[in-house]
Amino acid sequence: MLQYIIRRILLAIPTFFGATIVVFFIVQFAPGGPYEQQLNALRKGQGAEGGGSALGAENMSIPPSQLEALQRYHQVNEPVWARYLMWLGLMPRPVNDYLAVIDTPQNVGNNFRVIAKKDASGQFAVYQASDGAPLSGWYVDPSKKENSVWVYQRGISGIFTLDFGRSERYRKPVFELISERLPVSMQFGLISFVITYVVCFYLGTQKALRHGSKFDVISSSMVFIAFSIPGWALGAVLLVLLGGGSALAWFPTGGFQSSDYESISAFEKIADRALYFVLPTIAYTLGGFASITLLMKNSLLDTLGQDFVRTAYAKGLRENRVIWMHAMRNSVIPLVASIGGIIGIFLAGNYLVEYAFNIDGIGRLSFEAIGSRDQSVFFAFAVISIIITLVGSIISDFMLALVDPRIRFS
């Protein structure tokens, strides 16, 4: 089993690279990215400063220094394969990029004073301004711009160093945004995942054992009605009916914790979160009941028709023993096999539900990033989704081996 898990992890590595390559290249070649947006903003800014109209601003020229700074920031002059490796953190990228005036001391970084001038060989180099000592680790772009040159350092930063870049919309590091919002979606996702599987397991089992009864018919109608209602629409109805919209004010109207959450006791924090979690969790889970419930029901019905179950009954074993000790273990195999994919859906968040309940989760963040072309946030969400999917697949195989003794990953 350990060898199989190691092989699966090794197999996940090229899968990860393949998935990220597809996502990265598609986004890079899509129009309207951050570079184009900032380019248009600069053009409009130049037009506004000159008193021109918005239509004429589109054709305004940008100062070469600003244009080059923008190109260097977005690395548009690098080949796309180099940008991909830099994004992953597998290839050094320029950091602390500054346009330095030749032979003029200036501050770069955290009040670090340097001077760019020619060395004995006639090549530009960077020196410490205080004592004139040459600085290692600093580079000079050979292309001279009037009386200035670009000086920079090179460093490794990217996905593998947990540097997801900076959000163009929020003006914050993407890792900070993800750290704030991912735990919120994971809390809702894990709770919804557990509730969904527990309820669907019980409901599917009862429907199989009482197949064709009124309970089976009524429960099937209810789960299909729940399946047909979008989560955001159900959430809006729940807010109106139970969140103080026009009827009962039993639950908060949105968010995931009270404003005084940090000042209350531990027990009060649990009660506060539980109160805020009730309506969003219902909206999260109800739509997923139908597929998993019917999967459990049909699997158990098929198993109960197998020869080994009839043989167990013929031997005189009690019905409960036949169902729970013999049939059930084979019936849960399809449910276990689907855990990996379903847990990824729950953990990724649900934008519309989060939006309806004003929850700042990862789903809402990623959807807004797509609309605003915030590439750094979108890339981070894509990487997280890929990793969750790969890990979920490994977990499914591991759980499958635990419940089905016929499966051995040797």
Foldseek 3Di string as FASTA:
>chain_A
DVVLLVVLVVVLVVVLVVLLVVVQVVLVPDPDAPLVVVVLVQLQVVCVVVVHDSVVSSPRDHPPVVNVVSCLVVVVVDDSVQVSCLQAQNDWHWDQKDKAFAPDWDATDPRQIWHWYADPVRAIFIARPPPRHGDPQKDWDRDDDVRITIITGIDGDHVVNVQLDAFPVVRGGLSVLQVVFLVVLLVLLVVLLVVLLVVLLVLLVVCLVVPPDPSVVVVLVQLVVLLPDQLLNQLLVCCCDDCPVPHHNQAHNAEQFDPCLVVDDPVVNVVRNVRRSVSLSCSVHSNPNNPSNNLLNVLLNVLCPDPVLVVCVVVVDDPVCSSPVPRNLRSCLVVLLCQQVSSLVSSLGDQSSCVSRVYSHLNVVLVVCVVNNRPSSVSVSSSVSSVSNSVSNSSSVVVNVVSDVVDDPD
